[in-house]
Amino acid sequence: MEEFLSGDLFKWVIMPLIIFFARIVDVSLGTTRIIMVSRGKKEIASLIGFFEVIVWLLVASKVIQSVDNVLYILAYAGGFAAGSYIGILIDERLAMGTVSIRLITSVEPTELINKLCQAGFGVTKIDAQGSRGKAYIIYSIINRKEVSEFERIAQECVPKAFMSVEDIRKVREGIFLPRDTLRIRRESPLRKSK
């Protein structure tokens, strides 16, 4: 075993691969931890941070001990880059949290509002004045997993509308239906501004 650990195969192939994949795990955990912190999930963020630091210490110490090995440095840097990418993919897959959607259009939004309400979204309509005349602001707070459905409906009804999506840390009250009942029409789903 000692012969294997000191051999060229281990030094030039296996250890760089271990460093690369461990760094992917470390950075993916770090990205996920930051996402949990931004969502206010303190306990999960702390637990993830614990394991993130353990992996980082093990990997960083090995690279620092062998700083003359260029493959270790490349594996470390490559693992960081790949881990950042994978961490973002994990965030997209988890799609945790709540977002606010602001949609601005010059097209009268009655059809859009009706379709959004039929799909189970709570909607607020605000009459506005834009640089090109009359405008409408459609505002909704939804679960992040439902953004693509909201966007699909908006694209169908008002394809040239300006739309922004922002993360929200905390929400109180509002219209939020469980996923399995999202398509049920409610009696008064429209909230209008005064």
N, C-alpha and C. Protein backbone atom coordinates (compact mmCIF):
# COMPACT_ATOMS: atom_id res chain seq x y z
N MET A 1 0.82 -1.20 0.00
CA MET A 1 0.00 0.00 0.00
C MET A 1 0.86 1.26 0.00
N GLU A 2 1.89 1.26 0.82
CA GLU A 2 2.79 2.40 0.90
C GLU A 2 3.49 2.64 -0.44
N GLU A 3 3.82 1.54 -1.11
CA GLU A 3 4.46 1.65 -2.43
C GLU A 3 3.51 2.31 -3.44
N PHE A 4 2.23 1.93 -3.37
CA PHE A 4 1.23 2.51 -4.26
C PHE A 4 1.07 4.01 -4.01
N LEU A 5 0.99 4.42 -2.73
CA LEU A 5 0.81 5.82 -2.38
C LEU A 5 2.00 6.69 -2.76
N SER A 6 3.17 6.11 -2.85
CA SER A 6 4.36 6.88 -3.22
C SER A 6 4.70 6.73 -4.70
N GLY A 7 3.93 5.94 -5.43
CA GLY A 7 4.22 5.70 -6.85
C GLY A 7 3.78 6.84 -7.75
N ASP A 8 4.29 6.81 -8.97
CA ASP A 8 3.98 7.85 -9.96
C ASP A 8 2.49 7.89 -10.33
N LEU A 9 1.85 6.72 -10.44
CA LEU A 9 0.42 6.67 -10.80
C LEU A 9 -0.40 7.46 -9.78
N PHE A 10 -0.12 7.26 -8.51
CA PHE A 10 -0.87 7.96 -7.46
C PHE A 10 -0.57 9.46 -7.49
N LYS A 11 0.74 9.80 -7.62
CA LYS A 11 1.16 11.20 -7.56
C LYS A 11 0.68 12.00 -8.76
N TRP A 12 0.70 11.45 -9.96
CA TRP A 12 0.43 12.20 -11.17
C TRP A 12 -0.98 12.01 -11.75
N VAL A 13 -1.71 10.98 -11.26
CA VAL A 13 -3.05 10.75 -11.81
C VAL A 13 -4.11 10.74 -10.71
N ILE A 14 -3.95 9.84 -9.75
CA ILE A 14 -5.00 9.64 -8.75
C ILE A 14 -5.14 10.83 -7.82
N MET A 15 -4.05 11.34 -7.29
CA MET A 15 -4.14 12.48 -6.36
C MET A 15 -4.67 13.74 -7.05
N PRO A 16 -4.24 14.10 -8.26
CA PRO A 16 -4.87 15.25 -8.93
C PRO A 16 -6.38 15.05 -9.14
N LEU A 17 -6.81 13.84 -9.44
CA LEU A 17 -8.24 13.57 -9.59
C LEU A 17 -8.97 13.72 -8.25
N ILE A 18 -8.35 13.23 -7.19
CA ILE A 18 -8.96 13.37 -5.85
C ILE A 18 -9.09 14.86 -5.51
N ILE A 19 -8.03 15.63 -5.76
CA ILE A 19 -8.06 17.07 -5.48
C ILE A 19 -9.15 17.74 -6.31
N PHE A 20 -9.21 17.41 -7.60
CA PHE A 20 -10.20 18.00 -8.50
C PHE A 20 -11.62 17.74 -8.00
N PHE A 21 -11.95 16.48 -7.72
CA PHE A 21 -13.33 16.15 -7.33
C PHE A 21 -13.65 16.63 -5.91
N ALA A 22 -12.66 16.61 -5.02
CA ALA A 22 -12.90 17.12 -3.66
C ALA A 22 -13.15 18.63 -3.71
N ARG A 23 -12.45 19.31 -4.59
CA ARG A 23 -12.66 20.76 -4.73
C ARG A 23 -14.04 21.06 -5.32
N ILE A 24 -14.50 20.22 -6.24
CA ILE A 24 -15.86 20.37 -6.77
C ILE A 24 -16.86 20.26 -5.62
N VAL A 25 -16.68 19.26 -4.77
CA VAL A 25 -17.58 19.07 -3.63
C VAL A 25 -17.51 20.29 -2.71
N ASP A 26 -16.31 20.73 -2.38
CA ASP A 26 -16.10 21.86 -1.49
C ASP A 26 -16.77 23.12 -2.02
N VAL A 27 -16.54 23.47 -3.26
CA VAL A 27 -17.10 24.71 -3.81
C VAL A 27 -18.60 24.59 -4.02
N SER A 28 -19.08 23.43 -4.42
CA SER A 28 -20.53 23.23 -4.56
C SER A 28 -21.21 23.40 -3.21
N LEU A 29 -20.59 22.86 -2.17
CA LEU A 29 -21.13 23.05 -0.82
C LEU A 29 -21.12 24.53 -0.44
N GLY A 30 -20.04 25.23 -0.78
CA GLY A 30 -19.94 26.65 -0.48
C GLY A 30 -21.01 27.47 -1.19
N THR A 31 -21.24 27.16 -2.45
CA THR A 31 -22.28 27.87 -3.21
C THR A 31 -23.65 27.60 -2.61
N THR A 32 -23.89 26.34 -2.28
CA THR A 32 -25.18 25.97 -1.67
C THR A 32 -25.34 26.64 -0.31
N ARG A 33 -24.26 26.72 0.47
CA ARG A 33 -24.30 27.39 1.78
C ARG A 33 -24.67 28.86 1.62
N ILE A 34 -24.05 29.53 0.67
CA ILE A 34 -24.35 30.95 0.44
C ILE A 34 -25.81 31.13 0.05
N ILE A 35 -26.32 30.23 -0.77
CA ILE A 35 -27.73 30.29 -1.17
C ILE A 35 -28.62 30.12 0.05
N MET A 36 -28.28 29.17 0.93
CA MET A 36 -29.07 28.96 2.14
C MET A 36 -29.03 30.18 3.06
N VAL A 37 -27.86 30.81 3.16
CA VAL A 37 -27.74 32.02 3.98
C VAL A 37 -28.65 33.11 3.41
N SER A 38 -28.62 33.29 2.08
CA SER A 38 -29.45 34.34 1.47
C SER A 38 -30.94 34.05 1.61
N ARG A 39 -31.29 32.79 1.79
CA ARG A 39 -32.70 32.41 1.97
C ARG A 39 -33.10 32.39 3.46
N GLY A 40 -32.12 32.69 4.35
CA GLY A 40 -32.41 32.74 5.77
C GLY A 40 -32.46 31.37 6.44
N LYS A 41 -31.90 30.35 5.81
CA LYS A 41 -31.91 28.99 6.37
C LYS A 41 -30.61 28.77 7.15
N LYS A 42 -30.58 29.29 8.38
CA LYS A 42 -29.37 29.32 9.19
C LYS A 42 -28.84 27.93 9.56
N GLU A 43 -29.73 27.04 9.98
CA GLU A 43 -29.30 25.73 10.45
C GLU A 43 -28.68 24.91 9.32
N ILE A 44 -29.34 24.91 8.16
CA ILE A 44 -28.82 24.15 7.01
C ILE A 44 -27.49 24.75 6.56
N ALA A 45 -27.41 26.09 6.52
CA ALA A 45 -26.18 26.77 6.11
C ALA A 45 -25.03 26.41 7.04
N SER A 46 -25.29 26.36 8.34
CA SER A 46 -24.24 26.02 9.32
C SER A 46 -23.75 24.59 9.12
N LEU A 47 -24.67 23.67 8.90
CA LEU A 47 -24.30 22.27 8.70
C LEU A 47 -23.48 22.09 7.42
N ILE A 48 -23.92 22.73 6.35
CA ILE A 48 -23.18 22.65 5.09
C ILE A 48 -21.79 23.26 5.26
N GLY A 49 -21.72 24.40 5.96
CA GLY A 49 -20.43 25.06 6.20
C GLY A 49 -19.45 24.19 6.95
N PHE A 50 -19.95 23.40 7.89
CA PHE A 50 -19.10 22.49 8.66
C PHE A 50 -18.38 21.51 7.73
N PHE A 51 -19.14 20.87 6.84
CA PHE A 51 -18.54 19.89 5.92
C PHE A 51 -17.70 20.57 4.84
N GLU A 52 -18.12 21.75 4.42
CA GLU A 52 -17.36 22.50 3.41
C GLU A 52 -15.94 22.78 3.91
N VAL A 53 -15.82 23.22 5.15
CA VAL A 53 -14.51 23.58 5.70
C VAL A 53 -13.64 22.33 5.88
N ILE A 54 -14.22 21.23 6.30
CA ILE A 54 -13.44 19.99 6.44
C ILE A 54 -12.83 19.59 5.10
N VAL A 55 -13.65 19.56 4.05
CA VAL A 55 -13.15 19.17 2.73
C VAL A 55 -12.09 20.18 2.27
N TRP A 56 -12.35 21.47 2.45
CA TRP A 56 -11.40 22.49 2.01
C TRP A 56 -10.05 22.33 2.72
N LEU A 57 -10.09 22.12 4.04
CA LEU A 57 -8.83 21.97 4.79
C LEU A 57 -8.01 20.78 4.30
N LEU A 58 -8.68 19.67 4.07
CA LEU A 58 -7.97 18.47 3.60
C LEU A 58 -7.34 18.70 2.23
N VAL A 59 -8.08 19.31 1.34
CA VAL A 59 -7.59 19.53 -0.02
C VAL A 59 -6.53 20.61 -0.05
N ALA A 60 -6.81 21.75 0.58
CA ALA A 60 -5.86 22.86 0.55
C ALA A 60 -4.53 22.47 1.20
N SER A 61 -4.59 21.72 2.28
CA SER A 61 -3.33 21.32 2.94
C SER A 61 -2.49 20.42 2.04
N LYS A 62 -3.13 19.55 1.29
CA LYS A 62 -2.39 18.66 0.37
C LYS A 62 -1.74 19.48 -0.75
N VAL A 63 -2.45 20.45 -1.29
CA VAL A 63 -1.91 21.28 -2.37
C VAL A 63 -0.77 22.15 -1.85
N ILE A 64 -0.94 22.72 -0.66
CA ILE A 64 0.12 23.57 -0.08
C ILE A 64 1.37 22.75 0.22
N GLN A 65 1.21 21.51 0.69
CA GLN A 65 2.36 20.64 0.96
C GLN A 65 3.13 20.32 -0.32
N SER A 66 2.41 20.29 -1.44
CA SER A 66 3.04 19.90 -2.71
C SER A 66 2.90 21.04 -3.73
N VAL A 67 3.21 22.25 -3.31
CA VAL A 67 3.01 23.41 -4.16
C VAL A 67 3.88 23.37 -5.42
N ASP A 68 4.89 22.53 -5.42
CA ASP A 68 5.74 22.40 -6.61
C ASP A 68 5.12 21.49 -7.68
N ASN A 69 4.03 20.80 -7.35
CA ASN A 69 3.36 19.91 -8.30
C ASN A 69 2.30 20.72 -9.06
N VAL A 70 2.60 21.05 -10.30
CA VAL A 70 1.71 21.87 -11.12
C VAL A 70 0.36 21.20 -11.33
N LEU A 71 0.33 19.89 -11.44
CA LEU A 71 -0.94 19.18 -11.64
C LEU A 71 -1.87 19.37 -10.45
N TYR A 72 -1.33 19.41 -9.24
CA TYR A 72 -2.16 19.63 -8.06
C TYR A 72 -2.81 21.02 -8.12
N ILE A 73 -2.01 22.00 -8.51
CA ILE A 73 -2.52 23.38 -8.59
C ILE A 73 -3.60 23.47 -9.67
N LEU A 74 -3.35 22.86 -10.83
CA LEU A 74 -4.34 22.87 -11.91
C LEU A 74 -5.62 22.13 -11.50
N ALA A 75 -5.45 21.00 -10.81
CA ALA A 75 -6.62 20.24 -10.34
C ALA A 75 -7.41 21.06 -9.33
N TYR A 76 -6.71 21.77 -8.45
CA TYR A 76 -7.35 22.62 -7.45
C TYR A 76 -8.14 23.75 -8.12
N ALA A 77 -7.51 24.43 -9.07
CA ALA A 77 -8.17 25.53 -9.78
C ALA A 77 -9.32 25.02 -10.65
N GLY A 78 -9.09 23.90 -11.34
CA GLY A 78 -10.14 23.31 -12.18
C GLY A 78 -11.33 22.86 -11.36
N GLY A 79 -11.08 22.30 -10.19
CA GLY A 79 -12.15 21.88 -9.30
C GLY A 79 -12.95 23.07 -8.79
N PHE A 80 -12.25 24.20 -8.55
CA PHE A 80 -12.95 25.41 -8.13
C PHE A 80 -13.90 25.89 -9.22
N ALA A 81 -13.42 25.94 -10.46
CA ALA A 81 -14.24 26.41 -11.58
C ALA A 81 -15.44 25.48 -11.78
N ALA A 82 -15.18 24.18 -11.81
CA ALA A 82 -16.27 23.21 -12.02
C ALA A 82 -17.24 23.23 -10.84
N GLY A 83 -16.73 23.39 -9.63
CA GLY A 83 -17.59 23.45 -8.45
C GLY A 83 -18.51 24.66 -8.46
N SER A 84 -18.01 25.79 -8.95
CA SER A 84 -18.85 26.99 -9.06
C SER A 84 -20.01 26.72 -10.02
N TYR A 85 -19.69 26.11 -11.15
CA TYR A 85 -20.71 25.80 -12.16
C TYR A 85 -21.74 24.81 -11.61
N ILE A 86 -21.25 23.76 -10.97
CA ILE A 86 -22.15 22.73 -10.42
C ILE A 86 -22.99 23.30 -9.28
N GLY A 87 -22.41 24.18 -8.46
CA GLY A 87 -23.16 24.81 -7.39
C GLY A 87 -24.35 25.61 -7.91
N ILE A 88 -24.14 26.31 -9.02
CA ILE A 88 -25.23 27.07 -9.64
C ILE A 88 -26.29 26.12 -10.19
N LEU A 89 -25.86 25.01 -10.79
CA LEU A 89 -26.82 24.01 -11.28
C LEU A 89 -27.65 23.43 -10.13
N ILE A 90 -26.99 23.20 -9.00
CA ILE A 90 -27.71 22.69 -7.82
C ILE A 90 -28.76 23.70 -7.38
N ASP A 91 -28.38 24.97 -7.35
CA ASP A 91 -29.33 26.03 -6.98
C ASP A 91 -30.53 26.04 -7.92
N GLU A 92 -30.27 25.92 -9.22
CA GLU A 92 -31.37 25.91 -10.19
C GLU A 92 -32.27 24.70 -9.99
N ARG A 93 -31.68 23.56 -9.67
CA ARG A 93 -32.47 22.35 -9.46
C ARG A 93 -33.31 22.42 -8.19
N LEU A 94 -32.71 22.97 -7.13
CA LEU A 94 -33.44 23.08 -5.86
C LEU A 94 -34.58 24.08 -5.98
N ALA A 95 -34.33 25.18 -6.69
CA ALA A 95 -35.32 26.25 -6.89
C ALA A 95 -36.08 26.54 -5.61
N MET A 96 -35.34 26.75 -4.53
CA MET A 96 -35.95 27.03 -3.23
C MET A 96 -36.26 28.50 -3.10
N GLY A 97 -37.24 28.79 -2.29
CA GLY A 97 -37.52 30.16 -1.93
C GLY A 97 -38.65 30.80 -2.71
N THR A 98 -38.76 32.09 -2.48
CA THR A 98 -39.84 32.88 -3.04
C THR A 98 -39.24 34.03 -3.84
N VAL A 99 -39.89 34.39 -4.93
CA VAL A 99 -39.42 35.50 -5.75
C VAL A 99 -40.56 36.47 -6.00
N SER A 100 -40.19 37.70 -6.28
CA SER A 100 -41.19 38.66 -6.74
C SER A 100 -40.97 38.85 -8.24
N ILE A 101 -42.08 38.91 -8.95
CA ILE A 101 -42.02 39.14 -10.39
C ILE A 101 -42.72 40.46 -10.66
N ARG A 102 -42.03 41.30 -11.40
CA ARG A 102 -42.60 42.58 -11.82
C ARG A 102 -42.61 42.57 -13.34
N LEU A 103 -43.79 42.73 -13.89
CA LEU A 103 -43.95 42.72 -15.33
C LEU A 103 -44.55 44.06 -15.75
N ILE A 104 -43.92 44.74 -16.69
CA ILE A 104 -44.40 46.05 -17.13
C ILE A 104 -44.74 45.94 -18.62
N THR A 105 -45.95 46.34 -18.95
CA THR A 105 -46.42 46.25 -20.33
C THR A 105 -47.28 47.45 -20.69
N SER A 106 -47.29 47.77 -21.97
CA SER A 106 -48.18 48.83 -22.46
C SER A 106 -49.48 48.23 -23.00
N VAL A 107 -49.53 46.90 -23.09
CA VAL A 107 -50.71 46.19 -23.57
C VAL A 107 -51.69 46.00 -22.42
N GLU A 108 -52.94 46.24 -22.65
CA GLU A 108 -53.97 46.06 -21.62
C GLU A 108 -53.89 44.61 -21.11
N PRO A 109 -53.70 44.39 -19.80
CA PRO A 109 -53.34 43.07 -19.29
C PRO A 109 -54.48 42.16 -18.82
N THR A 110 -55.71 42.42 -19.19
CA THR A 110 -56.83 41.62 -18.68
C THR A 110 -56.66 40.14 -19.01
N GLU A 111 -56.31 39.83 -20.26
CA GLU A 111 -56.12 38.41 -20.65
C GLU A 111 -55.00 37.77 -19.83
N LEU A 112 -53.89 38.49 -19.68
CA LEU A 112 -52.76 37.99 -18.89
C LEU A 112 -53.19 37.72 -17.45
N ILE A 113 -53.86 38.68 -16.84
CA ILE A 113 -54.29 38.53 -15.45
C ILE A 113 -55.22 37.33 -15.30
N ASN A 114 -56.18 37.19 -16.22
CA ASN A 114 -57.11 36.05 -16.16
C ASN A 114 -56.37 34.72 -16.25
N LYS A 115 -55.43 34.63 -17.17
CA LYS A 115 -54.68 33.37 -17.32
C LYS A 115 -53.79 33.08 -16.11
N LEU A 116 -53.17 34.12 -15.57
CA LEU A 116 -52.33 33.92 -14.38
C LEU A 116 -53.19 33.48 -13.20
N CYS A 117 -54.36 34.09 -13.05
CA CYS A 117 -55.26 33.72 -11.96
C CYS A 117 -55.78 32.29 -12.14
N GLN A 118 -56.09 31.91 -13.36
CA GLN A 118 -56.53 30.54 -13.63
C GLN A 118 -55.44 29.53 -13.28
N ALA A 119 -54.19 29.95 -13.45
CA ALA A 119 -53.06 29.07 -13.13
C ALA A 119 -52.74 29.08 -11.63
N GLY A 120 -53.46 29.91 -10.85
CA GLY A 120 -53.27 29.89 -9.41
C GLY A 120 -52.35 30.96 -8.86
N PHE A 121 -51.94 31.90 -9.67
CA PHE A 121 -51.05 32.96 -9.20
C PHE A 121 -51.84 34.13 -8.63
N GLY A 122 -51.39 34.66 -7.51
CA GLY A 122 -51.94 35.90 -6.99
C GLY A 122 -51.30 37.04 -7.77
N VAL A 123 -52.10 38.03 -8.15
CA VAL A 123 -51.60 39.08 -9.02
C VAL A 123 -52.08 40.44 -8.52
N THR A 124 -51.22 41.43 -8.59
CA THR A 124 -51.59 42.81 -8.31
C THR A 124 -51.35 43.62 -9.57
N LYS A 125 -52.35 44.39 -9.98
CA LYS A 125 -52.23 45.24 -11.17
C LYS A 125 -52.15 46.70 -10.71
N ILE A 126 -51.19 47.41 -11.28
CA ILE A 126 -51.02 48.82 -10.97
C ILE A 126 -51.01 49.59 -12.28
N ASP A 127 -51.90 50.60 -12.39
CA ASP A 127 -51.86 51.47 -13.57
C ASP A 127 -50.68 52.42 -13.40
N ALA A 128 -49.93 52.62 -14.50
CA ALA A 128 -48.72 53.43 -14.41
C ALA A 128 -48.57 54.31 -15.65
N GLN A 129 -47.59 55.17 -15.59
CA GLN A 129 -47.25 56.02 -16.73
C GLN A 129 -45.79 55.77 -17.05
N GLY A 130 -45.51 55.32 -18.27
CA GLY A 130 -44.14 55.06 -18.69
C GLY A 130 -43.63 56.14 -19.62
N SER A 131 -42.41 56.03 -20.08
CA SER A 131 -41.82 57.03 -20.97
C SER A 131 -42.53 57.08 -22.32
N ARG A 132 -43.26 56.01 -22.67
CA ARG A 132 -43.98 55.97 -23.94
C ARG A 132 -45.50 56.04 -23.77
N GLY A 133 -45.93 56.44 -22.61
CA GLY A 133 -47.37 56.57 -22.38
C GLY A 133 -47.87 55.64 -21.29
N LYS A 134 -49.16 55.30 -21.39
CA LYS A 134 -49.80 54.47 -20.38
C LYS A 134 -49.13 53.10 -20.30
N ALA A 135 -48.99 52.60 -19.07
CA ALA A 135 -48.37 51.29 -18.84
C ALA A 135 -49.09 50.60 -17.70
N TYR A 136 -48.85 49.32 -17.56
CA TYR A 136 -49.43 48.52 -16.48
C TYR A 136 -48.30 47.73 -15.83
N ILE A 137 -48.34 47.72 -14.51
CA ILE A 137 -47.38 46.90 -13.76
C ILE A 137 -48.15 45.74 -13.17
N ILE A 138 -47.70 44.55 -13.49
CA ILE A 138 -48.29 43.33 -12.94
C ILE A 138 -47.26 42.80 -11.95
N TYR A 139 -47.69 42.65 -10.72
CA TYR A 139 -46.78 42.25 -9.65
C TYR A 139 -47.28 40.96 -9.02
N SER A 140 -46.36 40.03 -8.80
CA SER A 140 -46.75 38.77 -8.19
C SER A 140 -45.59 38.22 -7.36
N ILE A 141 -45.93 37.56 -6.28
CA ILE A 141 -44.92 36.88 -5.46
C ILE A 141 -45.25 35.40 -5.53
N ILE A 142 -44.27 34.62 -6.00
CA ILE A 142 -44.52 33.20 -6.26
C ILE A 142 -43.35 32.35 -5.76
N ASN A 143 -43.59 31.06 -5.70
CA ASN A 143 -42.51 30.12 -5.39
C ASN A 143 -41.56 30.06 -6.58
N ARG A 144 -40.29 29.95 -6.31
CA ARG A 144 -39.28 29.99 -7.35
C ARG A 144 -39.48 28.89 -8.39
N LYS A 145 -40.01 27.77 -7.97
CA LYS A 145 -40.23 26.65 -8.90
C LYS A 145 -41.27 26.98 -9.96
N GLU A 146 -42.05 28.02 -9.74
CA GLU A 146 -43.15 28.34 -10.65
C GLU A 146 -42.81 29.47 -11.62
N VAL A 147 -41.57 29.96 -11.60
CA VAL A 147 -41.19 31.07 -12.47
C VAL A 147 -41.37 30.72 -13.94
N SER A 148 -40.97 29.53 -14.35
CA SER A 148 -41.06 29.18 -15.78
C SER A 148 -42.52 29.14 -16.24
N GLU A 149 -43.43 28.68 -15.38
CA GLU A 149 -44.86 28.66 -15.74
C GLU A 149 -45.40 30.08 -15.87
N PHE A 150 -45.04 30.94 -14.93
CA PHE A 150 -45.45 32.35 -14.99
C PHE A 150 -44.91 32.99 -16.27
N GLU A 151 -43.64 32.75 -16.54
CA GLU A 151 -42.99 33.32 -17.72
C GLU A 151 -43.63 32.82 -19.01
N ARG A 152 -44.01 31.56 -19.06
CA ARG A 152 -44.65 30.98 -20.24
C ARG A 152 -45.98 31.70 -20.52
N ILE A 153 -46.78 31.90 -19.48
CA ILE A 153 -48.07 32.57 -19.63
C ILE A 153 -47.86 34.03 -20.07
N ALA A 154 -46.90 34.70 -19.46
CA ALA A 154 -46.61 36.09 -19.81
C ALA A 154 -46.15 36.20 -21.26
N GLN A 155 -45.30 35.29 -21.68
CA GLN A 155 -44.80 35.30 -23.06
C GLN A 155 -45.93 35.10 -24.06
N GLU A 156 -46.88 34.27 -23.70
CA GLU A 156 -48.03 33.98 -24.55
C GLU A 156 -48.94 35.21 -24.69
N CYS A 157 -49.15 35.95 -23.59
CA CYS A 157 -50.10 37.07 -23.59
C CYS A 157 -49.48 38.42 -23.93
N VAL A 158 -48.30 38.68 -23.40
CA VAL A 158 -47.63 39.97 -23.63
C VAL A 158 -46.14 39.72 -23.92
N PRO A 159 -45.84 39.25 -25.12
CA PRO A 159 -44.47 38.82 -25.43
C PRO A 159 -43.40 39.91 -25.32
N LYS A 160 -43.78 41.18 -25.46
CA LYS A 160 -42.77 42.25 -25.41
C LYS A 160 -42.71 42.95 -24.07
N ALA A 161 -43.33 42.37 -23.05
CA ALA A 161 -43.34 43.00 -21.73
C ALA A 161 -41.96 42.91 -21.07
N PHE A 162 -41.65 43.93 -20.29
CA PHE A 162 -40.43 43.91 -19.47
C PHE A 162 -40.74 43.09 -18.23
N MET A 163 -39.85 42.18 -17.87
CA MET A 163 -40.09 41.33 -16.69
C MET A 163 -38.82 41.24 -15.86
N SER A 164 -38.96 41.44 -14.55
CA SER A 164 -37.82 41.25 -13.65
C SER A 164 -38.23 40.27 -12.54
N VAL A 165 -37.25 39.49 -12.11
CA VAL A 165 -37.47 38.49 -11.06
C VAL A 165 -36.42 38.73 -9.98
N GLU A 166 -36.87 38.85 -8.72
CA GLU A 166 -35.96 39.11 -7.62
C GLU A 166 -36.25 38.15 -6.47
N ASP A 167 -35.19 37.70 -5.81
CA ASP A 167 -35.36 36.84 -4.64
C ASP A 167 -35.95 37.63 -3.48
N ILE A 168 -36.77 36.95 -2.70
CA ILE A 168 -37.37 37.55 -1.51
C ILE A 168 -36.99 36.68 -0.33
N ARG A 169 -36.62 37.30 0.75
CA ARG A 169 -36.21 36.55 1.94
C ARG A 169 -37.38 36.08 2.77
N LYS A 170 -38.39 36.92 2.92
CA LYS A 170 -39.48 36.57 3.81
C LYS A 170 -40.80 37.08 3.23
N VAL A 171 -41.85 36.29 3.39
CA VAL A 171 -43.18 36.65 2.92
C VAL A 171 -44.18 36.35 4.01
N ARG A 172 -45.16 37.24 4.18
CA ARG A 172 -46.21 37.02 5.14
C ARG A 172 -47.53 37.26 4.43
N GLU A 173 -48.48 36.36 4.62
CA GLU A 173 -49.79 36.44 3.98
C GLU A 173 -49.66 36.22 2.48
N GLY A 174 -50.69 36.53 1.72
CA GLY A 174 -50.65 36.41 0.27
C GLY A 174 -51.37 35.17 -0.24
N ILE A 175 -51.33 35.01 -1.54
CA ILE A 175 -52.00 33.88 -2.19
C ILE A 175 -50.93 32.90 -2.66
N PHE A 176 -50.83 31.79 -1.97
CA PHE A 176 -49.89 30.73 -2.32
C PHE A 176 -50.62 29.41 -2.21
N LEU A 177 -50.77 28.73 -3.31
CA LEU A 177 -51.45 27.45 -3.29
C LEU A 177 -50.45 26.32 -3.33
N PRO A 178 -50.80 25.18 -2.71
CA PRO A 178 -49.94 24.01 -2.85
C PRO A 178 -49.84 23.61 -4.32
N ARG A 179 -48.74 23.04 -4.71
CA ARG A 179 -48.48 22.71 -6.12
C ARG A 179 -49.60 21.88 -6.75
N ASP A 180 -50.17 20.93 -6.00
CA ASP A 180 -51.19 20.04 -6.59
C ASP A 180 -52.53 20.75 -6.82
N THR A 181 -52.74 21.93 -6.23
CA THR A 181 -54.01 22.63 -6.44
C THR A 181 -53.82 23.92 -7.22
N LEU A 182 -52.64 24.10 -7.84
CA LEU A 182 -52.34 25.35 -8.53
C LEU A 182 -53.30 25.67 -9.66
N ARG A 183 -53.87 24.70 -10.32
CA ARG A 183 -54.69 24.96 -11.49
C ARG A 183 -56.16 25.21 -11.15
N ILE A 184 -56.51 25.16 -9.88
CA ILE A 184 -57.90 25.39 -9.48
C ILE A 184 -58.17 26.89 -9.46
N ARG A 185 -59.22 27.29 -10.11
CA ARG A 185 -59.57 28.72 -10.14
C ARG A 185 -60.18 29.13 -8.81
N ARG A 186 -59.73 30.26 -8.30
CA ARG A 186 -60.27 30.78 -7.06
C ARG A 186 -61.28 31.88 -7.34
N GLU A 187 -62.10 32.19 -6.36
CA GLU A 187 -63.17 33.16 -6.57
C GLU A 187 -62.65 34.56 -6.86
N SER A 188 -61.71 35.09 -6.06
CA SER A 188 -61.23 36.45 -6.29
C SER A 188 -59.72 36.49 -6.19
N PRO A 189 -59.02 36.00 -7.20
CA PRO A 189 -57.56 35.94 -7.12
C PRO A 189 -56.86 37.23 -7.44
N LEU A 190 -57.57 38.24 -7.90
CA LEU A 190 -56.93 39.48 -8.34
C LEU A 190 -56.91 40.49 -7.20
N ARG A 191 -55.71 41.02 -6.93
CA ARG A 191 -55.58 42.08 -5.94
C ARG A 191 -55.23 43.35 -6.72
N LYS A 192 -56.05 44.37 -6.61
CA LYS A 192 -55.77 45.63 -7.33
C LYS A 192 -55.24 46.65 -6.33
N SER A 193 -54.34 47.49 -6.85
CA SER A 193 -53.85 48.59 -6.00
C SER A 193 -54.91 49.68 -5.92
N LYS A 194 -54.78 50.52 -4.92
CA LYS A 194 -55.75 51.61 -4.74
C LYS A 194 -55.41 52.78 -5.63
